[in-house]
């Protein structure tokens, strides 16, 4: 039984590959900003978008993207202008988005069950139109995250220093959260809105254990994201399991395996540092 003999699996694999690329790409900057839970918050906002689409009878993905971007921009502006901390903004996203989505689905007469395929992912139901949406949006995210690496890295690492360099930090901060909102909305068909944050964060954490340097970590995270997304999709086909859950489990397994590598690297670095230190004699001379 060849997995590629099925058209729906061809679409699922392509969607998983694209999602596996872009989720860690933007996730690298999210982790750098210490906002690892941003994906969860945006996922709950996207639920409100899906609920609105169910209530109005429109396509869920475009509505989810618009609503998610609006929520992300609102929280970032609140943070920038000091009206609320990042944690407070994320809490509002968590609870308000989820409640609004369930409420609107209920008003539409379909209940929370209508949201399940978006909460947990449904790769096997991806349509040709969905693939085009994912392809176009992933291209936007990848071009921005890779093409603007120096600027986004500077802003995400040290905002004050980035201002000294003359960078428009407000613009780049907004760009990061907008790209994250797009990624979350697209990934709802792959791993689901409840698990999307894992695909944005776990490959990044594993990559930081395996390699040194920001650029190396960025591309390693993207490689690990593709491997786990495609591997989870293939495995779910043969094991008859939900693809989103298996993708996340594989990502966590890769992270667990990266720990010994990180520990070994730390020991080698300590040994090299000890060897490079001058030996001082009792008399005080080297």
Protein backbone atom coordinates (compact mmCIF):
# COMPACT_ATOMS: atom_id res chain seq x y z
CA UNK A 1 0.00 0.00 0.00
CA UNK A 2 1.78 3.12 -1.27
CA UNK A 3 0.88 6.27 0.62
CA UNK A 4 1.33 8.41 -2.50
CA UNK A 5 -1.36 6.46 -4.36
CA UNK A 6 -3.95 8.48 -2.44
CA UNK A 7 -4.61 12.04 -3.53
CA UNK A 8 -5.68 13.12 -0.05
CA UNK A 9 -2.38 11.89 1.39
CA UNK A 10 -0.43 13.76 -1.27
CA UNK A 11 -2.17 16.95 -0.19
CA UNK A 12 -1.65 16.06 3.49
CA UNK A 13 2.08 15.47 3.03
CA UNK A 14 2.58 18.70 1.10
CA UNK A 15 0.67 20.67 3.72
CA UNK A 16 2.63 19.02 6.53
CA UNK A 17 5.94 19.78 4.81
CA UNK A 18 5.09 23.46 4.36
CA UNK A 19 3.79 23.79 7.91
CA UNK A 20 6.86 22.01 9.27
CA UNK A 21 9.03 24.59 7.53
CA UNK A 22 7.27 27.78 8.54
CA UNK A 23 6.21 26.98 12.12
CA UNK A 24 9.79 26.65 13.48
CA UNK A 25 10.94 29.52 11.25
CA UNK A 26 8.73 32.06 13.01
CA UNK A 27 8.93 30.07 16.24
CA UNK A 28 12.66 30.78 16.45
CA UNK A 29 11.95 34.49 16.88
CA UNK A 30 9.05 33.84 19.25
CA UNK A 31 11.30 31.75 21.52
CA UNK A 32 14.02 34.40 21.30
CA UNK A 33 11.49 36.95 22.61
CA UNK A 34 10.54 34.57 25.47
CA UNK A 35 6.97 34.32 24.21
CA UNK A 36 6.80 30.57 23.77
CA UNK A 37 3.11 30.51 24.74
CA UNK A 38 2.14 33.06 22.08
CA UNK A 39 1.15 30.25 19.72
CA UNK A 40 -1.32 28.93 22.28
CA UNK A 41 -2.89 32.34 22.75
CA UNK A 42 -3.18 32.95 19.02
CA UNK A 43 -4.59 29.46 18.58
CA UNK A 44 -7.45 30.35 20.87
CA UNK A 45 -8.08 33.56 18.93
CA UNK A 46 -8.17 31.54 15.72
CA UNK A 47 -10.93 29.44 17.31
CA UNK A 48 -13.00 32.63 17.42
CA UNK A 49 -12.34 33.05 13.70
CA UNK A 50 -13.43 29.50 12.97
CA UNK A 51 -16.55 30.01 15.07
CA UNK A 52 -17.36 33.16 13.11
CA UNK A 53 -16.88 31.28 9.84
CA UNK A 54 -19.19 28.49 11.02
CA UNK A 55 -21.81 31.03 12.04
CA UNK A 56 -21.64 32.94 8.74
CA UNK A 57 -21.17 29.91 6.51
CA UNK A 58 -17.89 31.13 5.01
CA UNK A 59 -14.48 29.47 4.51
CA UNK A 60 -12.76 29.09 7.92
CA UNK A 61 -9.13 29.72 6.94
CA UNK A 62 -9.41 33.32 5.61
CA UNK A 63 -11.64 34.36 8.51
CA UNK A 64 -9.34 32.71 11.05
CA UNK A 65 -6.33 34.52 9.58
CA UNK A 66 -8.01 37.94 9.73
CA UNK A 67 -9.29 37.45 13.29
CA UNK A 68 -5.97 36.00 14.49
CA UNK A 69 -3.96 38.87 13.00
CA UNK A 70 -6.31 41.40 14.59
CA UNK A 71 -5.88 39.75 18.00
CA UNK A 72 -2.10 39.51 17.65
CA UNK A 73 -1.77 43.17 16.66
CA UNK A 74 -4.03 44.25 19.53
CA UNK A 75 -1.93 42.41 22.12
CA UNK A 76 1.35 43.72 20.67
CA UNK A 77 0.08 47.30 20.69
CA UNK A 78 -1.09 46.91 24.28
CA UNK A 79 2.37 45.65 25.18
CA UNK A 80 4.17 48.44 23.32
CA UNK A 81 2.11 51.25 24.80
CA UNK A 82 2.26 49.83 28.32
CA UNK A 83 -1.45 49.28 28.80
CA UNK A 84 -1.03 45.60 29.64
CA UNK A 85 1.77 43.13 30.15
CA UNK A 86 2.39 40.31 27.70
CA UNK A 87 0.99 37.77 30.16
CA UNK A 88 -2.25 39.70 30.61
CA UNK A 89 -2.67 40.05 26.87
CA UNK A 90 -2.11 36.34 26.33
CA UNK A 91 -4.65 35.51 29.04
CA UNK A 92 -7.23 37.65 27.26
CA UNK A 93 -6.43 35.79 24.04
CA UNK A 94 -6.75 32.40 25.72
CA UNK A 95 -10.11 32.84 27.33
CA UNK A 96 -11.81 35.40 25.12
CA UNK A 97 -10.98 33.63 21.87
CA UNK A 98 -12.02 30.19 23.05
CA UNK A 99 -15.26 31.45 24.58
CA UNK A 100 -16.16 33.47 21.50
CA UNK A 101 -15.51 30.55 19.15
CA UNK A 102 -17.62 28.08 21.11
CA UNK A 103 -20.38 30.67 21.55
CA UNK A 104 -20.60 31.48 17.84
CA UNK A 105 -20.55 27.80 16.88
CA UNK A 106 -23.41 27.29 19.32
CA UNK A 107 -25.36 30.19 17.84
CA UNK A 108 -24.92 28.55 14.43
CA UNK A 109 -26.60 25.44 15.85
CA UNK A 110 -23.55 23.18 15.40
CA UNK A 111 -22.03 23.27 18.86
CA UNK A 112 -18.41 22.72 19.86
CA UNK A 113 -18.22 19.54 17.74
CA UNK A 114 -17.98 21.72 14.63
CA UNK A 115 -14.65 23.05 15.93
CA UNK A 116 -13.02 19.68 16.67
CA UNK A 117 -11.21 19.23 13.34
CA UNK A 118 -9.59 22.64 13.82
CA UNK A 119 -8.75 22.09 17.47
CA UNK A 120 -6.92 18.80 16.84
CA UNK A 121 -6.09 19.02 13.12
CA UNK A 122 -7.50 17.14 10.17
CA UNK A 123 -4.81 16.68 7.55
CA UNK A 124 -6.72 14.05 5.60
CA UNK A 125 -9.52 16.52 4.82
CA UNK A 126 -7.22 19.16 3.31
CA UNK A 127 -8.61 20.34 -0.04
CA UNK A 128 -6.77 21.59 -3.11
CA UNK A 129 -7.85 25.12 -2.20
CA UNK A 130 -6.36 24.66 1.28
CA UNK A 131 -3.06 23.57 -0.26
CA UNK A 132 -2.93 26.75 -2.35
CA UNK A 133 -3.63 28.86 0.73
CA UNK A 134 -0.95 27.06 2.73
CA UNK A 135 1.57 27.31 -0.11
CA UNK A 136 1.08 31.03 -0.63
CA UNK A 137 1.10 31.95 3.04
CA UNK A 138 4.06 29.74 3.89
CA UNK A 139 6.02 31.47 1.12
CA UNK A 140 5.25 34.84 2.72
CA UNK A 141 6.33 33.63 6.17
CA UNK A 142 9.52 31.98 4.92
CA UNK A 143 10.60 34.94 2.77
CA UNK A 144 10.13 37.29 5.72
CA UNK A 145 11.73 35.11 8.41
CA UNK A 146 14.75 34.14 6.30
CA UNK A 147 15.14 37.35 4.30
CA UNK A 148 14.90 39.62 7.34
CA UNK A 149 16.95 37.45 9.70
CA UNK A 150 19.42 40.19 10.81
CA UNK A 151 16.67 42.71 11.58
CA UNK A 152 14.29 40.27 13.28
CA UNK A 153 17.13 38.76 15.30
CA UNK A 154 18.27 42.17 16.53
CA UNK A 155 14.76 43.23 17.55
CA UNK A 156 13.93 39.89 19.17
CA UNK A 157 17.20 39.72 21.13
CA UNK A 158 17.75 43.29 22.34
CA UNK A 159 15.09 45.83 21.43
CA UNK A 160 16.99 48.79 22.89
CA UNK A 161 20.14 47.97 20.94
CA UNK A 162 18.04 47.55 17.79
CA UNK A 163 16.73 51.08 18.30
CA UNK A 164 20.30 52.34 18.56
CA UNK A 165 21.01 50.68 15.22
CA UNK A 166 18.15 52.66 13.71
CA UNK A 167 15.77 49.75 13.21
CA UNK A 168 12.02 50.37 13.31
CA UNK A 169 11.44 48.09 16.27
CA UNK A 170 7.69 48.70 16.45
CA UNK A 171 7.28 47.61 12.84
CA UNK A 172 9.39 44.47 13.24
CA UNK A 173 7.65 43.50 16.48
CA UNK A 174 4.29 43.80 14.75
CA UNK A 175 5.64 41.82 11.80
CA UNK A 176 6.69 38.95 14.07
CA UNK A 177 3.27 38.62 15.71
CA UNK A 178 1.48 38.94 12.35
CA UNK A 179 3.62 36.16 10.87
CA UNK A 180 2.94 34.08 13.97
CA UNK A 181 -0.80 34.66 13.55
CA UNK A 182 -0.64 33.53 9.91
CA UNK A 183 1.35 30.44 10.88
CA UNK A 184 -1.08 29.47 13.64
CA UNK A 185 -4.07 29.85 11.33
CA UNK A 186 -2.48 27.76 8.59
CA UNK A 187 -1.29 25.06 11.00
CA UNK A 188 -4.78 24.46 12.39
CA UNK A 189 -5.34 21.91 9.63
CA UNK A 190 -2.02 20.17 10.32
CA UNK A 191 -1.58 19.79 14.08
CA UNK A 192 -4.66 21.65 15.31
CA UNK A 193 -4.99 24.90 17.20
CA UNK A 194 -4.43 23.24 20.59
CA UNK A 195 -1.07 21.75 19.55
CA UNK A 196 0.27 24.31 17.07
CA UNK A 197 2.49 26.00 19.65
CA UNK A 198 4.43 22.75 20.08
CA UNK A 199 5.44 22.73 16.41
CA UNK A 200 6.55 26.36 16.74
CA UNK A 201 8.59 25.82 19.91
CA UNK A 202 9.80 22.22 20.34
CA UNK A 203 11.91 21.97 17.13
CA UNK A 204 13.50 25.31 18.06
CA UNK A 205 14.38 24.02 21.53
CA UNK A 206 15.85 20.84 20.03
CA UNK A 207 17.88 22.81 17.48
CA UNK A 208 19.37 25.00 20.22
CA UNK A 209 20.65 21.81 21.87
CA UNK A 210 22.22 20.53 18.65
CA UNK A 211 23.93 23.54 17.05
CA UNK A 212 25.53 26.85 17.90
CA UNK A 213 24.61 30.21 16.44
CA UNK A 214 21.25 31.75 15.62
CA UNK A 215 21.26 31.14 11.87
CA UNK A 216 22.32 27.51 12.29
CA UNK A 217 19.59 27.02 14.90
CA UNK A 218 17.00 28.61 12.59
CA UNK A 219 17.66 26.25 9.68
CA UNK A 220 18.14 23.22 11.92
CA UNK A 221 14.77 23.92 13.55
CA UNK A 222 13.15 24.13 10.12
CA UNK A 223 14.74 20.81 9.13
CA UNK A 224 13.53 19.15 12.33
CA UNK A 225 10.08 20.65 11.82
CA UNK A 226 9.82 19.15 8.34
CA UNK A 227 11.10 15.77 9.54
CA UNK A 228 8.62 15.52 12.41
CA UNK A 229 5.66 16.89 10.42
CA UNK A 230 6.18 14.56 7.46
CA UNK A 231 7.15 11.65 9.71
CA UNK A 232 4.07 12.12 11.86
CA UNK A 233 1.83 12.30 8.79
CA UNK A 234 3.26 9.11 7.31
CA UNK A 235 3.14 7.34 10.66
CA UNK A 236 -0.47 8.34 11.25
CA UNK A 237 -1.44 6.82 7.90
CA UNK A 238 -0.02 3.41 8.74
CA UNK A 239 -0.83 3.46 12.47
CA UNK A 240 -4.31 4.95 12.00
CA UNK A 241 -3.70 7.67 14.59
CA UNK A 242 -4.41 11.43 14.60
CA UNK A 243 -1.55 13.08 12.65
CA UNK A 244 -1.34 16.21 14.81
CA UNK A 245 -0.76 14.27 18.02
CA UNK A 246 1.86 12.01 16.43
CA UNK A 247 3.69 15.00 14.93
CA UNK A 248 3.98 16.63 18.36
CA UNK A 249 5.04 13.37 20.04
CA UNK A 250 7.80 12.93 17.45
CA UNK A 251 8.95 16.51 17.97
CA UNK A 252 9.16 15.96 21.73
CA UNK A 253 11.07 12.71 21.15
CA UNK A 254 13.60 14.58 19.00
CA UNK A 255 13.94 17.18 21.74
CA UNK A 256 14.55 14.45 24.34
CA UNK A 257 17.23 12.88 22.13
CA UNK A 258 18.92 16.25 21.71
CA UNK A 259 19.58 16.58 25.45
CA UNK A 260 22.59 14.19 25.55
CA UNK A 261 24.12 16.06 22.61
CA UNK A 262 23.74 19.34 24.47
CA UNK A 263 25.27 17.87 27.63
CA UNK A 264 28.22 16.43 25.69
CA UNK A 265 28.78 19.76 23.97
CA UNK A 266 28.80 21.57 27.32
CA UNK A 267 31.38 19.16 28.75
CA UNK A 268 33.65 19.60 25.74
CA UNK A 269 33.37 23.37 26.01
CA UNK A 270 34.28 23.26 29.71
CA UNK A 271 37.25 21.01 28.96
CA UNK A 272 38.48 23.37 26.24
CA UNK A 273 38.10 26.37 28.56
CA UNK A 274 40.10 24.60 31.28
CA UNK A 275 42.87 23.71 28.83
CA UNK A 276 43.10 27.29 27.58
CA UNK A 277 43.52 28.77 31.07
CA UNK A 278 47.12 29.55 32.06
CA UNK A 279 48.57 27.45 34.87
CA UNK A 280 49.81 29.65 37.71
CA UNK A 281 52.66 28.37 39.89
CA UNK A 282 52.88 28.78 43.65
CA UNK A 283 55.21 31.73 43.17
CA UNK A 284 52.55 33.55 41.16
CA UNK A 285 54.24 33.08 37.76
CA UNK A 286 52.70 31.18 34.85
